[in-house]
Amino acid sequence: MHHHGYLWTGPKGRFDQEALRRPPHPEPPPAGSRPELIQRYREVAAEFPTVDLPPLETAYWLVKPRSLVRGTWEEAKEAASWLGERLAEYAPRFASERERDTAHLARLVNTAAEQLRSGADVSYGFYLERPSYLSLAAVTCSPNRANTELTCPVA
């Protein structure tokens, strides 16, 4: 078991493009469906695996390009430490003063270490100034407990 780190930051409007953040339905629209529905399904099926947007389900980071992996760690503590470093880096830009609190951030890192040690994934999101958004994730790999069918992006 190991862990991969992911980071995305960008305009809140782009983050809100939920159709590109969820995997396409396993079954395409039935024959005879409206052409725009079929076209939209094809677009999502083609774009979801390659778009850099954070998936709605954290485990689906594993289907994204390996170039999006920001780090890989064997130990949960190391992955949680990376999350902590990113939190400290972005905290001055957090829109909420409460989220900038160092004790709050330390609790997030400790919780992340516990979750990753148990084989779970960790995902944090923060509104930044200018309406931007920060998404941080550490995903457990080989296997992923939430979706055992997903394969390691760096194997």
C-alpha atoms as a PDB file:
ATOM      1  CA  MET A   1       0.000   0.000   0.000  1.00  0.00           C
ATOM      2  CA  HIS A   2       1.189   3.516  -0.811  1.00  0.00           C
ATOM      3  CA  HIS A   3      -0.296   6.986  -1.214  1.00  0.00           C
ATOM      4  CA  HIS A   4      -0.363   9.538  -4.036  1.00  0.00           C
ATOM      5  CA  GLY A   5      -0.780  13.275  -3.509  1.00  0.00           C
ATOM      6  CA  TYR A   6      -2.860  15.559  -5.736  1.00  0.00           C
ATOM      7  CA  LEU A   7      -3.318  19.306  -5.737  1.00  0.00           C
ATOM      8  CA  TRP A   8      -5.568  21.485  -7.859  1.00  0.00           C
ATOM      9  CA  THR A   9      -6.155  25.188  -7.588  1.00  0.00           C
ATOM     10  CA  GLY A  10      -8.123  27.375  -9.922  1.00  0.00           C
ATOM     11  CA  PRO A  11     -11.183  29.513 -10.468  1.00  0.00           C
ATOM     12  CA  LYS A  12     -14.235  28.453  -8.481  1.00  0.00           C
ATOM     13  CA  GLY A  13     -16.315  28.557 -11.687  1.00  0.00           C
ATOM     14  CA  ARG A  14     -14.115  25.894 -13.281  1.00  0.00           C
ATOM     15  CA  PHE A  15     -14.240  23.754 -10.131  1.00  0.00           C
ATOM     16  CA  ASP A  16     -18.045  23.915 -10.348  1.00  0.00           C
ATOM     17  CA  GLN A  17     -18.078  22.096 -13.711  1.00  0.00           C
ATOM     18  CA  GLU A  18     -19.389  18.954 -12.042  1.00  0.00           C
ATOM     19  CA  ALA A  19     -20.101  17.025 -15.235  1.00  0.00           C
ATOM     20  CA  LEU A  20     -16.350  16.871 -15.848  1.00  0.00           C
ATOM     21  CA  ARG A  21     -15.686  15.848 -12.238  1.00  0.00           C
ATOM     22  CA  ARG A  22     -17.749  12.662 -12.276  1.00  0.00           C
ATOM     23  CA  PRO A  23     -17.038   9.519 -14.286  1.00  0.00           C
ATOM     24  CA  PRO A  24     -19.399   8.820 -17.152  1.00  0.00           C
ATOM     25  CA  HIS A  25     -22.184   6.364 -16.499  1.00  0.00           C
ATOM     26  CA  PRO A  26     -21.000   2.810 -17.290  1.00  0.00           C
ATOM     27  CA  GLU A  27     -23.776   2.464 -19.888  1.00  0.00           C
ATOM     28  CA  PRO A  28     -23.980   4.930 -22.791  1.00  0.00           C
ATOM     29  CA  PRO A  29     -27.350   6.471 -23.584  1.00  0.00           C
ATOM     30  CA  PRO A  30     -29.640   4.001 -25.361  1.00  0.00           C
ATOM     31  CA  ALA A  31     -29.963   4.056 -29.131  1.00  0.00           C
ATOM     32  CA  GLY A  32     -32.488   6.646 -30.188  1.00  0.00           C
ATOM     33  CA  SER A  33     -31.576   9.084 -27.396  1.00  0.00           C
ATOM     34  CA  ARG A  34     -31.473  12.784 -28.160  1.00  0.00           C
ATOM     35  CA  PRO A  35     -28.323  13.636 -30.152  1.00  0.00           C
ATOM     36  CA  GLU A  36     -27.233  16.260 -27.609  1.00  0.00           C
ATOM     37  CA  LEU A  37     -27.410  13.645 -24.817  1.00  0.00           C
ATOM     38  CA  ILE A  38     -25.264  11.238 -26.821  1.00  0.00           C
ATOM     39  CA  GLN A  39     -22.793  14.018 -27.657  1.00  0.00           C
ATOM     40  CA  ARG A  40     -22.556  15.113 -24.013  1.00  0.00           C
ATOM     41  CA  TYR A  41     -21.952  11.507 -22.918  1.00  0.00           C
ATOM     42  CA  ARG A  42     -19.135  11.190 -25.474  1.00  0.00           C
ATOM     43  CA  GLU A  43     -17.558  14.456 -24.303  1.00  0.00           C
ATOM     44  CA  VAL A  44     -17.615  13.442 -20.643  1.00  0.00           C
ATOM     45  CA  ALA A  45     -16.344   9.926 -21.427  1.00  0.00           C
ATOM     46  CA  ALA A  46     -13.421  11.404 -23.360  1.00  0.00           C
ATOM     47  CA  GLU A  47     -12.621  14.292 -21.003  1.00  0.00           C
ATOM     48  CA  PHE A  48     -13.102  12.826 -17.505  1.00  0.00           C
ATOM     49  CA  PRO A  49      -9.940  10.677 -17.531  1.00  0.00           C
ATOM     50  CA  THR A  50      -7.752  13.525 -18.801  1.00  0.00           C
ATOM     51  CA  VAL A  51      -9.152  16.729 -17.298  1.00  0.00           C
ATOM     52  CA  ASP A  52      -7.178  18.069 -14.333  1.00  0.00           C
ATOM     53  CA  LEU A  53     -10.279  18.892 -12.263  1.00  0.00           C
ATOM     54  CA  PRO A  54     -10.621  17.066  -8.941  1.00  0.00           C
ATOM     55  CA  PRO A  55     -13.066  14.173  -9.230  1.00  0.00           C
ATOM     56  CA  LEU A  56     -16.143  14.183  -6.998  1.00  0.00           C
ATOM     57  CA  GLU A  57     -15.078  10.789  -5.645  1.00  0.00           C
ATOM     58  CA  THR A  58     -11.499  11.026  -4.384  1.00  0.00           C
ATOM     59  CA  ALA A  59     -10.481   7.531  -5.562  1.00  0.00           C
ATOM     60  CA  TYR A  60     -11.007   8.577  -9.184  1.00  0.00           C
ATOM     61  CA  TRP A  61      -7.822  10.648  -9.044  1.00  0.00           C
ATOM     62  CA  LEU A  62      -6.228   7.274  -9.848  1.00  0.00           C
ATOM     63  CA  VAL A  63      -7.619   7.314 -13.420  1.00  0.00           C
ATOM     64  CA  LYS A  64      -6.141  10.747 -14.120  1.00  0.00           C
ATOM     65  CA  PRO A  65      -2.809  11.202 -15.943  1.00  0.00           C
ATOM     66  CA  ARG A  66       0.240  10.257 -13.909  1.00  0.00           C
ATOM     67  CA  SER A  67       1.570  13.781 -14.511  1.00  0.00           C
ATOM     68  CA  LEU A  68      -1.010  15.011 -11.962  1.00  0.00           C
ATOM     69  CA  VAL A  69       0.570  12.962  -9.144  1.00  0.00           C
ATOM     70  CA  ARG A  70       2.436  15.465  -6.950  1.00  0.00           C
ATOM     71  CA  GLY A  71       4.163  12.839  -4.824  1.00  0.00           C
ATOM     72  CA  THR A  72       4.105   9.203  -3.766  1.00  0.00           C
ATOM     73  CA  TRP A  73       4.784   7.914  -0.261  1.00  0.00           C
ATOM     74  CA  GLU A  74       4.955   4.475   1.300  1.00  0.00           C
ATOM     75  CA  GLU A  75       4.107   5.802   4.760  1.00  0.00           C
ATOM     76  CA  ALA A  76       0.840   7.495   5.699  1.00  0.00           C
ATOM     77  CA  LYS A  77       2.735   9.910   7.946  1.00  0.00           C
ATOM     78  CA  GLU A  78       4.800  11.145   4.960  1.00  0.00           C
ATOM     79  CA  ALA A  79       1.692  11.720   2.833  1.00  0.00           C
ATOM     80  CA  ALA A  80       0.015  13.567   5.721  1.00  0.00           C
ATOM     81  CA  SER A  81       3.158  15.662   6.128  1.00  0.00           C
ATOM     82  CA  TRP A  82       2.944  16.669   2.454  1.00  0.00           C
ATOM     83  CA  LEU A  83      -0.682  17.696   3.014  1.00  0.00           C
ATOM     84  CA  GLY A  84       0.432  19.738   6.026  1.00  0.00           C
ATOM     85  CA  GLU A  85       3.102  21.513   3.988  1.00  0.00           C
ATOM     86  CA  ARG A  86       0.555  22.412   1.308  1.00  0.00           C
ATOM     87  CA  LEU A  87      -1.919  23.617   3.939  1.00  0.00           C
ATOM     88  CA  ALA A  88       0.752  25.860   5.452  1.00  0.00           C
ATOM     89  CA  GLU A  89       1.680  27.153   2.000  1.00  0.00           C
ATOM     90  CA  TYR A  90      -1.903  28.097   1.050  1.00  0.00           C
ATOM     91  CA  ALA A  91      -3.298  29.041   4.485  1.00  0.00           C
ATOM     92  CA  PRO A  92      -2.556  32.776   4.088  1.00  0.00           C
ATOM     93  CA  ARG A  93      -4.903  32.783   1.073  1.00  0.00           C
ATOM     94  CA  PHE A  94      -7.796  30.893   2.744  1.00  0.00           C
ATOM     95  CA  ALA A  95     -10.995  32.902   2.554  1.00  0.00           C
ATOM     96  CA  SER A  96     -12.012  31.823   6.061  1.00  0.00           C
ATOM     97  CA  GLU A  97      -9.970  33.040   8.996  1.00  0.00           C
ATOM     98  CA  ARG A  98     -11.026  29.990  11.035  1.00  0.00           C
ATOM     99  CA  GLU A  99      -9.447  27.689   8.449  1.00  0.00           C
ATOM    100  CA  ARG A 100      -6.131  29.563   8.779  1.00  0.00           C
ATOM    101  CA  ASP A 101      -5.884  28.640  12.467  1.00  0.00           C
ATOM    102  CA  THR A 102      -2.719  26.578  13.001  1.00  0.00           C
ATOM    103  CA  ALA A 103      -4.364  24.305  15.581  1.00  0.00           C
ATOM    104  CA  HIS A 104      -7.157  23.541  13.092  1.00  0.00           C
ATOM    105  CA  LEU A 105      -4.610  22.763  10.366  1.00  0.00           C
ATOM    106  CA  ALA A 106      -2.632  20.499  12.728  1.00  0.00           C
ATOM    107  CA  ARG A 107      -5.835  18.553  13.504  1.00  0.00           C
ATOM    108  CA  LEU A 108      -6.441  18.100   9.769  1.00  0.00           C
ATOM    109  CA  VAL A 109      -2.943  16.681   9.297  1.00  0.00           C
ATOM    110  CA  ASN A 110      -3.295  14.313  12.279  1.00  0.00           C
ATOM    111  CA  THR A 111      -6.687  13.130  11.038  1.00  0.00           C
ATOM    112  CA  ALA A 112      -5.248  12.609   7.555  1.00  0.00           C
ATOM    113  CA  ALA A 113      -2.437  10.447   8.925  1.00  0.00           C
ATOM    114  CA  GLU A 114      -4.947   8.262  10.796  1.00  0.00           C
ATOM    115  CA  GLN A 115      -7.231   7.908   7.780  1.00  0.00           C
ATOM    116  CA  LEU A 116      -4.386   7.078   5.395  1.00  0.00           C
ATOM    117  CA  ARG A 117      -2.941   4.547   7.854  1.00  0.00           C
ATOM    118  CA  SER A 118      -6.324   2.794   7.830  1.00  0.00           C
ATOM    119  CA  GLY A 119      -6.318   2.653   4.016  1.00  0.00           C
ATOM    120  CA  ALA A 120      -8.828   5.461   3.451  1.00  0.00           C
ATOM    121  CA  ASP A 121      -8.400   8.446   1.143  1.00  0.00           C
ATOM    122  CA  VAL A 122      -8.209  12.058   2.300  1.00  0.00           C
ATOM    123  CA  SER A 123      -9.600  15.054   0.471  1.00  0.00           C
ATOM    124  CA  TYR A 124      -9.650  18.663   1.625  1.00  0.00           C
ATOM    125  CA  GLY A 125     -11.032  21.719  -0.121  1.00  0.00           C
ATOM    126  CA  PHE A 126     -10.734  25.409   0.676  1.00  0.00           C
ATOM    127  CA  TYR A 127     -12.068  28.607  -0.792  1.00  0.00           C
ATOM    128  CA  LEU A 128      -9.251  30.993  -1.547  1.00  0.00           C
ATOM    129  CA  GLU A 129      -9.392  34.711  -2.132  1.00  0.00           C
ATOM    130  CA  ARG A 130     -10.628  35.978  -5.540  1.00  0.00           C
ATOM    131  CA  PRO A 131     -13.125  33.264  -5.739  1.00  0.00           C
ATOM    132  CA  SER A 132     -10.588  30.512  -6.263  1.00  0.00           C
ATOM    133  CA  TYR A 133     -10.557  27.022  -4.872  1.00  0.00           C
ATOM    134  CA  LEU A 134      -7.872  24.666  -3.536  1.00  0.00           C
ATOM    135  CA  SER A 135      -8.349  20.914  -3.640  1.00  0.00           C
ATOM    136  CA  LEU A 136      -5.841  18.647  -1.868  1.00  0.00           C
ATOM    137  CA  ALA A 137      -6.023  14.878  -1.821  1.00  0.00           C
ATOM    138  CA  ALA A 138      -3.982  11.903  -0.703  1.00  0.00           C
ATOM    139  CA  VAL A 139      -5.220   8.708  -2.307  1.00  0.00           C
ATOM    140  CA  THR A 140      -4.399   5.236  -1.058  1.00  0.00           C
ATOM    141  CA  CYS A 141      -3.274   2.944  -3.827  1.00  0.00           C
ATOM    142  CA  SER A 142      -2.730  -0.775  -4.408  1.00  0.00           C
ATOM    143  CA  PRO A 143      -5.526  -1.349  -3.752  1.00  0.00           C
ATOM    144  CA  ASN A 144      -7.811   1.603  -3.158  1.00  0.00           C
ATOM    145  CA  ARG A 145     -10.350   0.655  -0.513  1.00  0.00           C
ATOM    146  CA  ALA A 146     -13.146   2.818  -1.966  1.00  0.00           C
ATOM    147  CA  ASN A 147     -12.776   1.350  -5.472  1.00  0.00           C
ATOM    148  CA  THR A 148     -10.618  -1.767  -5.706  1.00  0.00           C
ATOM    149  CA  GLU A 149     -10.896  -1.888  -9.505  1.00  0.00           C
ATOM    150  CA  LEU A 150      -8.870   1.294 -10.007  1.00  0.00           C
ATOM    151  CA  THR A 151      -5.246   0.685 -10.883  1.00  0.00           C
ATOM    152  CA  CYS A 152      -2.143   2.570  -9.791  1.00  0.00           C
ATOM    153  CA  PRO A 153      -1.331   5.481 -12.122  1.00  0.00           C
ATOM    154  CA  VAL A 154       2.426   5.112 -11.684  1.00  0.00           C
ATOM    155  CA  ALA A 155       2.757   1.318 -11.905  1.00  0.00           C
END
